[in-house]
Amino acid sequence: MPHRSHAATRRPSAPWCPLRLTVALCLALSPITAPPALGAGCETSAPLAHEAGLPVAERALLAVARRLPLEVKAGQLLMVGFAGNTPDAGLLERARRGRIGGFFLLRRNVRDTAQVQLLTSALSAGAAEASDGIRPFVATDFEGGTANALRAITGNTPPAAASAAAGVAGVDLRGVEDATTLRWLGFNLDLAPVADVLSAPSAVIGTRAFSSDASRAAALSRAYLRGLQRGGVLGVLKHFPGHGATAWQATRSCRSLTRRSRRCDSRKSSAVDR
């Protein structure tokens, strides 16, 4: 059954803001993790020089982050995965102690709708207990096509190459619809879209890319990202430094990809620097 129909049966909860939390934690950890312009003293309780100009929500998150023990701050920067439909007791205990900031669920973790909703709810609630109510990232791979960790629930979904025919507006709308499905299942982070330029025949990227044209790939991947965000889910532009001319899966092996720097730079600047 297509994932759109699932999403329509349950009203999604209010969106979370873990991205702002991550920024707050980086500011509150140490000068090493903060940009140089922010200055030293991020570990102190004194406000930062520029803090008064931040939005109220971000100032509040900084205040929460400062109250957390250092080991909890460090733990909030970790995202973990696990095998099976339920995490082991040790992992849950680490989450309840605030030592984990996010979870990444793959196909191996997905059985059916009820199981996933219970799982994401338990992970989210457990990890919030020791961190002043801060909710963790709960992420998955929901690109569509060949990369769909939720296929057991959503069935087959169109790949990026097929969605590209709908243009920028259509891809943006698909991002909103996918975000609704993800939130309905308890996710707040999608490791998508693929922003690679399909610059050579590739069984790895193939239809996962929006286009073989850099400008079009950039415009459509940004549109999907905007749609996700409008729907209350964070997205991730991937892969860097580029996967569109490879015949191997970067997440499973380490290889070298040699390309003339001028050509590589021009492709990356089109897809990333906008």
C-alpha atoms as a PDB file:
ATOM      1  CA  MET A   1       0.000   0.000   0.000  1.00  0.00           C
ATOM      2  CA  PRO A   2       1.467   3.405  -0.858  1.00  0.00           C
ATOM      3  CA  HIS A   3       2.821   5.386   2.075  1.00  0.00           C
ATOM      4  CA  ARG A   4       0.571   8.403   1.377  1.00  0.00           C
ATOM      5  CA  SER A   5      -2.516   6.487   2.578  1.00  0.00           C
ATOM      6  CA  HIS A   6      -0.825   5.509   5.839  1.00  0.00           C
ATOM      7  CA  ALA A   7       0.047   9.114   6.559  1.00  0.00           C
ATOM      8  CA  ALA A   8      -3.532  10.266   6.163  1.00  0.00           C
ATOM      9  CA  THR A   9      -4.845   8.054   8.974  1.00  0.00           C
ATOM     10  CA  ARG A  10      -3.097   9.756  11.875  1.00  0.00           C
ATOM     11  CA  ARG A  11      -2.415  13.381  12.664  1.00  0.00           C
ATOM     12  CA  PRO A  12       1.334  13.957  13.159  1.00  0.00           C
ATOM     13  CA  SER A  13       2.636  15.362  16.397  1.00  0.00           C
ATOM     14  CA  ALA A  14       4.218  18.786  16.709  1.00  0.00           C
ATOM     15  CA  PRO A  15       7.655  19.016  15.077  1.00  0.00           C
ATOM     16  CA  TRP A  16      10.781  18.710  17.189  1.00  0.00           C
ATOM     17  CA  CYS A  17      13.857  20.891  16.857  1.00  0.00           C
ATOM     18  CA  PRO A  18      16.901  18.602  17.385  1.00  0.00           C
ATOM     19  CA  LEU A  19      19.003  20.567  14.876  1.00  0.00           C
ATOM     20  CA  ARG A  20      18.858  23.674  17.048  1.00  0.00           C
ATOM     21  CA  LEU A  21      19.732  21.468  20.016  1.00  0.00           C
ATOM     22  CA  THR A  22      22.851  20.208  18.245  1.00  0.00           C
ATOM     23  CA  VAL A  23      23.954  23.776  17.587  1.00  0.00           C
ATOM     24  CA  ALA A  24      23.306  24.660  21.223  1.00  0.00           C
ATOM     25  CA  LEU A  25      25.337  21.699  22.409  1.00  0.00           C
ATOM     26  CA  CYS A  26      28.232  22.626  20.153  1.00  0.00           C
ATOM     27  CA  LEU A  27      28.172  26.131  21.601  1.00  0.00           C
ATOM     28  CA  ALA A  28      27.973  24.834  25.158  1.00  0.00           C
ATOM     29  CA  LEU A  29      30.652  22.129  24.950  1.00  0.00           C
ATOM     30  CA  SER A  30      34.025  23.784  24.431  1.00  0.00           C
ATOM     31  CA  PRO A  31      35.943  26.281  22.312  1.00  0.00           C
ATOM     32  CA  ILE A  32      37.258  23.370  20.219  1.00  0.00           C
ATOM     33  CA  THR A  33      33.801  22.448  18.935  1.00  0.00           C
ATOM     34  CA  ALA A  34      32.582  26.019  18.435  1.00  0.00           C
ATOM     35  CA  PRO A  35      33.484  28.243  15.467  1.00  0.00           C
ATOM     36  CA  PRO A  36      36.435  30.528  16.254  1.00  0.00           C
ATOM     37  CA  ALA A  37      34.287  33.661  15.968  1.00  0.00           C
ATOM     38  CA  LEU A  38      32.218  32.540  18.943  1.00  0.00           C
ATOM     39  CA  GLY A  39      35.194  32.981  21.235  1.00  0.00           C
ATOM     40  CA  ALA A  40      36.314  31.036  24.251  1.00  0.00           C
ATOM     41  CA  GLY A  41      34.366  30.335  27.401  1.00  0.00           C
ATOM     42  CA  CYS A  42      31.630  28.144  25.880  1.00  0.00           C
ATOM     43  CA  GLU A  43      31.888  25.890  28.932  1.00  0.00           C
ATOM     44  CA  THR A  44      31.126  28.758  31.316  1.00  0.00           C
ATOM     45  CA  SER A  45      27.703  29.827  32.506  1.00  0.00           C
ATOM     46  CA  ALA A  46      28.152  33.363  31.189  1.00  0.00           C
ATOM     47  CA  PRO A  47      26.199  34.284  28.036  1.00  0.00           C
ATOM     48  CA  LEU A  48      28.123  34.432  24.763  1.00  0.00           C
ATOM     49  CA  ALA A  49      28.883  37.829  23.291  1.00  0.00           C
ATOM     50  CA  HIS A  50      26.374  37.423  20.443  1.00  0.00           C
ATOM     51  CA  GLU A  51      23.767  35.481  22.418  1.00  0.00           C
ATOM     52  CA  ALA A  52      21.421  38.407  23.009  1.00  0.00           C
ATOM     53  CA  GLY A  53      20.788  38.573  19.270  1.00  0.00           C
ATOM     54  CA  LEU A  54      19.689  34.939  18.957  1.00  0.00           C
ATOM     55  CA  PRO A  55      16.006  33.937  18.758  1.00  0.00           C
ATOM     56  CA  VAL A  56      14.348  33.169  22.094  1.00  0.00           C
ATOM     57  CA  ALA A  57      14.113  29.431  21.350  1.00  0.00           C
ATOM     58  CA  GLU A  58      17.837  29.176  20.666  1.00  0.00           C
ATOM     59  CA  ARG A  59      18.721  31.109  23.833  1.00  0.00           C
ATOM     60  CA  ALA A  60      16.499  28.725  25.790  1.00  0.00           C
ATOM     61  CA  LEU A  61      18.256  25.718  24.255  1.00  0.00           C
ATOM     62  CA  LEU A  62      21.633  27.157  25.175  1.00  0.00           C
ATOM     63  CA  ALA A  63      20.433  27.535  28.748  1.00  0.00           C
ATOM     64  CA  VAL A  64      19.282  23.901  28.820  1.00  0.00           C
ATOM     65  CA  ALA A  65      22.543  22.690  27.262  1.00  0.00           C
ATOM     66  CA  ARG A  66      24.620  24.520  29.867  1.00  0.00           C
ATOM     67  CA  ARG A  67      22.828  22.698  32.690  1.00  0.00           C
ATOM     68  CA  LEU A  68      23.664  19.256  31.299  1.00  0.00           C
ATOM     69  CA  PRO A  69      26.678  17.325  32.657  1.00  0.00           C
ATOM     70  CA  LEU A  70      29.589  17.148  30.231  1.00  0.00           C
ATOM     71  CA  GLU A  71      29.130  13.407  29.650  1.00  0.00           C
ATOM     72  CA  VAL A  72      25.506  14.031  28.615  1.00  0.00           C
ATOM     73  CA  LYS A  73      26.548  16.847  26.264  1.00  0.00           C
ATOM     74  CA  ALA A  74      29.058  14.524  24.614  1.00  0.00           C
ATOM     75  CA  GLY A  75      26.535  11.701  24.412  1.00  0.00           C
ATOM     76  CA  GLN A  76      24.041  13.959  22.661  1.00  0.00           C
ATOM     77  CA  LEU A  77      26.425  14.132  19.689  1.00  0.00           C
ATOM     78  CA  LEU A  78      26.302  10.348  19.107  1.00  0.00           C
ATOM     79  CA  MET A  79      23.876   8.547  16.793  1.00  0.00           C
ATOM     80  CA  VAL A  80      23.746   4.752  16.988  1.00  0.00           C
ATOM     81  CA  GLY A  81      22.146   1.793  15.254  1.00  0.00           C
ATOM     82  CA  PHE A  82      21.366  -1.729  16.419  1.00  0.00           C
ATOM     83  CA  ALA A  83      20.195  -5.099  15.105  1.00  0.00           C
ATOM     84  CA  GLY A  84      16.685  -6.464  15.535  1.00  0.00           C
ATOM     85  CA  ASN A  85      13.269  -5.005  16.272  1.00  0.00           C
ATOM     86  CA  THR A  86      14.064  -4.022  19.863  1.00  0.00           C
ATOM     87  CA  PRO A  87      17.229  -2.483  21.328  1.00  0.00           C
ATOM     88  CA  ASP A  88      19.076  -4.414  23.996  1.00  0.00           C
ATOM     89  CA  ALA A  89      18.859  -3.383  27.636  1.00  0.00           C
ATOM     90  CA  GLY A  90      22.371  -1.938  27.648  1.00  0.00           C
ATOM     91  CA  LEU A  91      21.601   0.437  24.794  1.00  0.00           C
ATOM     92  CA  LEU A  92      18.384   1.613  26.426  1.00  0.00           C
ATOM     93  CA  GLU A  93      20.225   2.176  29.695  1.00  0.00           C
ATOM     94  CA  ARG A  94      22.829   4.327  27.919  1.00  0.00           C
ATOM     95  CA  ALA A  95      19.997   6.298  26.335  1.00  0.00           C
ATOM     96  CA  ARG A  96      18.270   6.812  29.689  1.00  0.00           C
ATOM     97  CA  ARG A  97      21.555   8.141  31.108  1.00  0.00           C
ATOM     98  CA  GLY A  98      21.715  10.705  28.294  1.00  0.00           C
ATOM     99  CA  ARG A  99      24.701   9.052  26.603  1.00  0.00           C
ATOM    100  CA  ILE A 100      23.001   8.803  23.182  1.00  0.00           C
ATOM    101  CA  GLY A 101      21.698  11.698  21.112  1.00  0.00           C
ATOM    102  CA  GLY A 102      20.132   9.799  18.237  1.00  0.00           C
ATOM    103  CA  PHE A 103      19.133   6.486  16.686  1.00  0.00           C
ATOM    104  CA  PHE A 104      19.345   5.315  13.072  1.00  0.00           C
ATOM    105  CA  LEU A 105      16.829   2.637  12.090  1.00  0.00           C
ATOM    106  CA  LEU A 106      17.395   0.458   9.025  1.00  0.00           C
ATOM    107  CA  ARG A 107      15.335  -2.221   7.320  1.00  0.00           C
ATOM    108  CA  ARG A 108      16.596  -4.740   9.878  1.00  0.00           C
ATOM    109  CA  ASN A 109      14.737  -2.778  12.587  1.00  0.00           C
ATOM    110  CA  VAL A 110      11.394  -2.520  10.771  1.00  0.00           C
ATOM    111  CA  ARG A 111       8.652  -5.139  10.946  1.00  0.00           C
ATOM    112  CA  ASP A 112       5.311  -3.314  10.748  1.00  0.00           C
ATOM    113  CA  THR A 113       3.616  -0.024  11.575  1.00  0.00           C
ATOM    114  CA  ALA A 114       2.719  -0.687  15.207  1.00  0.00           C
ATOM    115  CA  GLN A 115       6.156  -2.097  15.996  1.00  0.00           C
ATOM    116  CA  VAL A 116       7.955   0.942  14.525  1.00  0.00           C
ATOM    117  CA  GLN A 117       5.692   3.437  16.287  1.00  0.00           C
ATOM    118  CA  LEU A 118       6.242   1.707  19.627  1.00  0.00           C
ATOM    119  CA  LEU A 119       9.975   1.482  19.002  1.00  0.00           C
ATOM    120  CA  THR A 120      10.485   5.128  18.038  1.00  0.00           C
ATOM    121  CA  SER A 121       8.312   6.247  20.945  1.00  0.00           C
ATOM    122  CA  ALA A 122      10.282   4.157  23.442  1.00  0.00           C
ATOM    123  CA  LEU A 123      13.633   5.342  22.103  1.00  0.00           C
ATOM    124  CA  SER A 124      12.567   8.982  22.126  1.00  0.00           C
ATOM    125  CA  ALA A 125      11.073   8.884  25.624  1.00  0.00           C
ATOM    126  CA  GLY A 126      13.943   6.891  27.082  1.00  0.00           C
ATOM    127  CA  ALA A 127      16.641   9.216  25.769  1.00  0.00           C
ATOM    128  CA  ALA A 128      14.782  12.298  27.045  1.00  0.00           C
ATOM    129  CA  GLU A 129      14.721  11.154  30.670  1.00  0.00           C
ATOM    130  CA  ALA A 130      18.270  12.247  31.529  1.00  0.00           C
ATOM    131  CA  SER A 131      18.532  15.315  29.297  1.00  0.00           C
ATOM    132  CA  ASP A 132      15.931  17.790  30.577  1.00  0.00           C
ATOM    133  CA  GLY A 133      13.340  16.502  28.120  1.00  0.00           C
ATOM    134  CA  ILE A 134      15.538  16.892  25.028  1.00  0.00           C
ATOM    135  CA  ARG A 135      14.298  14.497  22.378  1.00  0.00           C
ATOM    136  CA  PRO A 136      16.876  12.556  20.332  1.00  0.00           C
ATOM    137  CA  PHE A 137      17.263  12.334  16.583  1.00  0.00           C
ATOM    138  CA  VAL A 138      15.300   9.334  15.295  1.00  0.00           C
ATOM    139  CA  ALA A 139      16.503   8.813  11.741  1.00  0.00           C
ATOM    140  CA  THR A 140      16.046   6.467   8.812  1.00  0.00           C
ATOM    141  CA  ASP A 141      16.848   6.108   5.111  1.00  0.00           C
ATOM    142  CA  PHE A 142      13.685   7.089   3.280  1.00  0.00           C
ATOM    143  CA  GLU A 143      14.810   8.204  -0.175  1.00  0.00           C
ATOM    144  CA  GLY A 144      12.344   6.145  -2.155  1.00  0.00           C
ATOM    145  CA  GLY A 145      13.138   3.626  -4.867  1.00  0.00           C
ATOM    146  CA  THR A 146      15.923   1.232  -3.934  1.00  0.00           C
ATOM    147  CA  ALA A 147      16.801   3.053  -0.693  1.00  0.00           C
ATOM    148  CA  ASN A 148      13.716   2.731   1.475  1.00  0.00           C
ATOM    149  CA  ALA A 149      14.233   1.284   4.944  1.00  0.00           C
ATOM    150  CA  LEU A 150      10.461   1.488   5.528  1.00  0.00           C
ATOM    151  CA  ARG A 151       9.382  -0.631   2.561  1.00  0.00           C
ATOM    152  CA  ALA A 152       7.747  -3.211   4.848  1.00  0.00           C
ATOM    153  CA  ILE A 153       5.293  -0.451   5.826  1.00  0.00           C
ATOM    154  CA  THR A 154       5.086   1.902   2.837  1.00  0.00           C
ATOM    155  CA  GLY A 155       5.535  -0.555  -0.018  1.00  0.00           C
ATOM    156  CA  ASN A 156       7.475   0.572  -3.058  1.00  0.00           C
ATOM    157  CA  THR A 157       7.940   4.331  -3.390  1.00  0.00           C
ATOM    158  CA  PRO A 158       9.214   6.266  -6.425  1.00  0.00           C
ATOM    159  CA  PRO A 159      12.945   6.997  -6.719  1.00  0.00           C
ATOM    160  CA  ALA A 160      14.281  10.518  -7.083  1.00  0.00           C
ATOM    161  CA  ALA A 161      14.724  10.109 -10.845  1.00  0.00           C
ATOM    162  CA  ALA A 162      11.000   9.408 -11.268  1.00  0.00           C
ATOM    163  CA  SER A 163       9.960  12.237  -8.936  1.00  0.00           C
ATOM    164  CA  ALA A 164      12.083  14.659 -10.968  1.00  0.00           C
ATOM    165  CA  ALA A 165       9.467  14.673 -13.713  1.00  0.00           C
ATOM    166  CA  ALA A 166       7.157  16.644 -11.396  1.00  0.00           C
ATOM    167  CA  GLY A 167       9.603  19.557 -11.315  1.00  0.00           C
ATOM    168  CA  VAL A 168      10.629  21.695  -8.353  1.00  0.00           C
ATOM    169  CA  ALA A 169       7.082  22.216  -7.030  1.00  0.00           C
ATOM    170  CA  GLY A 170       6.239  18.521  -7.280  1.00  0.00           C
ATOM    171  CA  VAL A 171       9.449  17.416  -5.565  1.00  0.00           C
ATOM    172  CA  ASP A 172       8.843  19.955  -2.789  1.00  0.00           C
ATOM    173  CA  LEU A 173       5.350  18.507  -2.286  1.00  0.00           C
ATOM    174  CA  ARG A 174       6.732  14.994  -2.169  1.00  0.00           C
ATOM    175  CA  GLY A 175       9.100  16.136   0.598  1.00  0.00           C
ATOM    176  CA  VAL A 176       6.131  17.405   2.618  1.00  0.00           C
ATOM    177  CA  GLU A 177       4.227  14.144   2.087  1.00  0.00           C
ATOM    178  CA  ASP A 178       7.243  12.020   3.030  1.00  0.00           C
ATOM    179  CA  ALA A 179       7.743  14.123   6.160  1.00  0.00           C
ATOM    180  CA  THR A 180       4.141  13.470   7.171  1.00  0.00           C
ATOM    181  CA  THR A 181       4.721   9.734   6.856  1.00  0.00           C
ATOM    182  CA  LEU A 182       7.972   9.899   8.792  1.00  0.00           C
ATOM    183  CA  ARG A 183       6.483  11.900  11.654  1.00  0.00           C
ATOM    184  CA  TRP A 184       3.501   9.564  11.778  1.00  0.00           C
ATOM    185  CA  LEU A 185       5.961   6.722  12.383  1.00  0.00           C
ATOM    186  CA  GLY A 186       7.984   8.697  14.950  1.00  0.00           C
ATOM    187  CA  PHE A 187      10.966   9.892  12.899  1.00  0.00           C
ATOM    188  CA  ASN A 188      12.321  13.438  12.881  1.00  0.00           C
ATOM    189  CA  LEU A 189      15.339  13.004  10.577  1.00  0.00           C
ATOM    190  CA  ASP A 190      15.525  11.588   7.042  1.00  0.00           C
ATOM    191  CA  LEU A 191      18.918  10.748   5.539  1.00  0.00           C
ATOM    192  CA  ALA A 192      17.818  12.151   2.186  1.00  0.00           C
ATOM    193  CA  PRO A 193      17.842  13.585  -0.425  1.00  0.00           C
ATOM    194  CA  VAL A 194      20.619  12.343  -2.673  1.00  0.00           C
ATOM    195  CA  ALA A 195      22.282  15.429  -4.164  1.00  0.00           C
ATOM    196  CA  ASP A 196      24.748  13.466  -6.288  1.00  0.00           C
ATOM    197  CA  VAL A 197      25.007  14.259  -9.972  1.00  0.00           C
ATOM    198  CA  LEU A 198      24.666  11.066 -11.994  1.00  0.00           C
ATOM    199  CA  SER A 199      27.752  11.767 -14.086  1.00  0.00           C
ATOM    200  CA  ALA A 200      28.426   8.151 -15.146  1.00  0.00           C
ATOM    201  CA  PRO A 201      26.457   4.891 -15.310  1.00  0.00           C
ATOM    202  CA  SER A 202      26.187   3.700 -11.705  1.00  0.00           C
ATOM    203  CA  ALA A 203      24.355   0.737 -10.261  1.00  0.00           C
ATOM    204  CA  VAL A 204      24.859   2.262  -6.807  1.00  0.00           C
ATOM    205  CA  ILE A 205      23.364   5.725  -7.365  1.00  0.00           C
ATOM    206  CA  GLY A 206      21.407   5.253 -10.589  1.00  0.00           C
ATOM    207  CA  THR A 207      17.791   6.354 -10.078  1.00  0.00           C
ATOM    208  CA  ARG A 208      18.581   7.619  -6.576  1.00  0.00           C
ATOM    209  CA  ALA A 209      19.897  10.825  -8.194  1.00  0.00           C
ATOM    210  CA  PHE A 210      17.479  13.472  -9.450  1.00  0.00           C
ATOM    211  CA  SER A 211      19.470  14.240 -12.579  1.00  0.00           C
ATOM    212  CA  SER A 212      22.704  13.947 -14.553  1.00  0.00           C
ATOM    213  CA  ASP A 213      22.660  17.743 -14.861  1.00  0.00           C
ATOM    214  CA  ALA A 214      24.312  19.497 -11.915  1.00  0.00           C
ATOM    215  CA  SER A 215      22.015  22.527 -11.862  1.00  0.00           C
ATOM    216  CA  ARG A 216      18.862  20.426 -12.069  1.00  0.00           C
ATOM    217  CA  ALA A 217      20.114  17.968  -9.436  1.00  0.00           C
ATOM    218  CA  ALA A 218      20.872  20.901  -7.129  1.00  0.00           C
ATOM    219  CA  ALA A 219      17.479  22.565  -7.631  1.00  0.00           C
ATOM    220  CA  LEU A 220      15.499  19.370  -7.080  1.00  0.00           C
ATOM    221  CA  SER A 221      17.477  18.157  -4.075  1.00  0.00           C
ATOM    222  CA  ARG A 222      17.020  21.561  -2.442  1.00  0.00           C
ATOM    223  CA  ALA A 223      13.294  21.415  -3.224  1.00  0.00           C
ATOM    224  CA  TYR A 224      12.941  18.023  -1.526  1.00  0.00           C
ATOM    225  CA  LEU A 225      14.904  19.264   1.479  1.00  0.00           C
ATOM    226  CA  ARG A 226      12.619  22.302   1.775  1.00  0.00           C
ATOM    227  CA  GLY A 227       9.577  20.053   1.618  1.00  0.00           C
ATOM    228  CA  LEU A 228      10.871  17.818   4.396  1.00  0.00           C
ATOM    229  CA  GLN A 229      11.545  20.831   6.574  1.00  0.00           C
ATOM    230  CA  ARG A 230       8.119  22.342   5.898  1.00  0.00           C
ATOM    231  CA  GLY A 231       6.683  19.002   6.996  1.00  0.00           C
ATOM    232  CA  GLY A 232       8.583  19.101  10.288  1.00  0.00           C
ATOM    233  CA  VAL A 233      11.431  16.679   9.464  1.00  0.00           C
ATOM    234  CA  LEU A 234      15.119  17.447   9.021  1.00  0.00           C
ATOM    235  CA  GLY A 235      16.881  16.231   5.895  1.00  0.00           C
ATOM    236  CA  VAL A 236      20.472  15.429   4.948  1.00  0.00           C
ATOM    237  CA  LEU A 237      21.989  16.298   1.569  1.00  0.00           C
ATOM    238  CA  LYS A 238      24.235  13.397   0.583  1.00  0.00           C
ATOM    239  CA  HIS A 239      26.813  12.186  -0.497  1.00  0.00           C
ATOM    240  CA  PHE A 240      29.996  14.186  -0.099  1.00  0.00           C
ATOM    241  CA  PRO A 241      32.361  14.494  -1.952  1.00  0.00           C
ATOM    242  CA  GLY A 242      30.128  12.899  -4.564  1.00  0.00           C
ATOM    243  CA  HIS A 243      28.933   9.395  -5.371  1.00  0.00           C
ATOM    244  CA  GLY A 244      27.438   9.832  -8.828  1.00  0.00           C
ATOM    245  CA  ALA A 245      30.295   8.294 -10.809  1.00  0.00           C
ATOM    246  CA  THR A 246      31.056   5.267  -8.628  1.00  0.00           C
ATOM    247  CA  ALA A 247      30.298   1.590  -8.982  1.00  0.00           C
ATOM    248  CA  TRP A 248      30.664   0.778  -5.275  1.00  0.00           C
ATOM    249  CA  GLN A 249      28.718   1.543  -2.120  1.00  0.00           C
ATOM    250  CA  ALA A 250      30.565   4.092   0.018  1.00  0.00           C
ATOM    251  CA  THR A 251      28.942   2.879   3.236  1.00  0.00           C
ATOM    252  CA  ARG A 252      30.385  -0.613   2.737  1.00  0.00           C
ATOM    253  CA  SER A 253      33.937  -0.017   1.515  1.00  0.00           C
ATOM    254  CA  CYS A 254      36.660   2.612   1.258  1.00  0.00           C
ATOM    255  CA  ARG A 255      37.956   3.429  -2.218  1.00  0.00           C
ATOM    256  CA  SER A 256      39.590   6.302  -4.033  1.00  0.00           C
ATOM    257  CA  LEU A 257      37.742   8.359  -6.628  1.00  0.00           C
ATOM    258  CA  THR A 258      40.059  10.382  -8.852  1.00  0.00           C
ATOM    259  CA  ARG A 259      38.686  13.277 -10.857  1.00  0.00           C
ATOM    260  CA  ARG A 260      40.175  16.453 -12.202  1.00  0.00           C
ATOM    261  CA  SER A 261      39.728  19.061  -9.471  1.00  0.00           C
ATOM    262  CA  ARG A 262      38.249  21.747 -11.750  1.00  0.00           C
ATOM    263  CA  ARG A 263      35.477  19.450 -12.957  1.00  0.00           C
ATOM    264  CA  CYS A 264      34.778  18.182  -9.448  1.00  0.00           C
ATOM    265  CA  ASP A 265      34.728  21.688  -8.004  1.00  0.00           C
ATOM    266  CA  SER A 266      32.284  22.930 -10.650  1.00  0.00           C
ATOM    267  CA  ARG A 267      29.877  20.076 -10.008  1.00  0.00           C
ATOM    268  CA  LYS A 268      30.030  20.424  -6.250  1.00  0.00           C
ATOM    269  CA  SER A 269      29.624  24.190  -6.327  1.00  0.00           C
ATOM    270  CA  SER A 270      26.460  23.788  -8.382  1.00  0.00           C
ATOM    271  CA  ALA A 271      24.928  21.258  -6.040  1.00  0.00           C
ATOM    272  CA  VAL A 272      26.118  22.448  -2.633  1.00  0.00           C
ATOM    273  CA  ASP A 273      26.994  26.135  -2.538  1.00  0.00           C
ATOM    274  CA  ARG A 274      23.483  27.532  -3.074  1.00  0.00           C
END
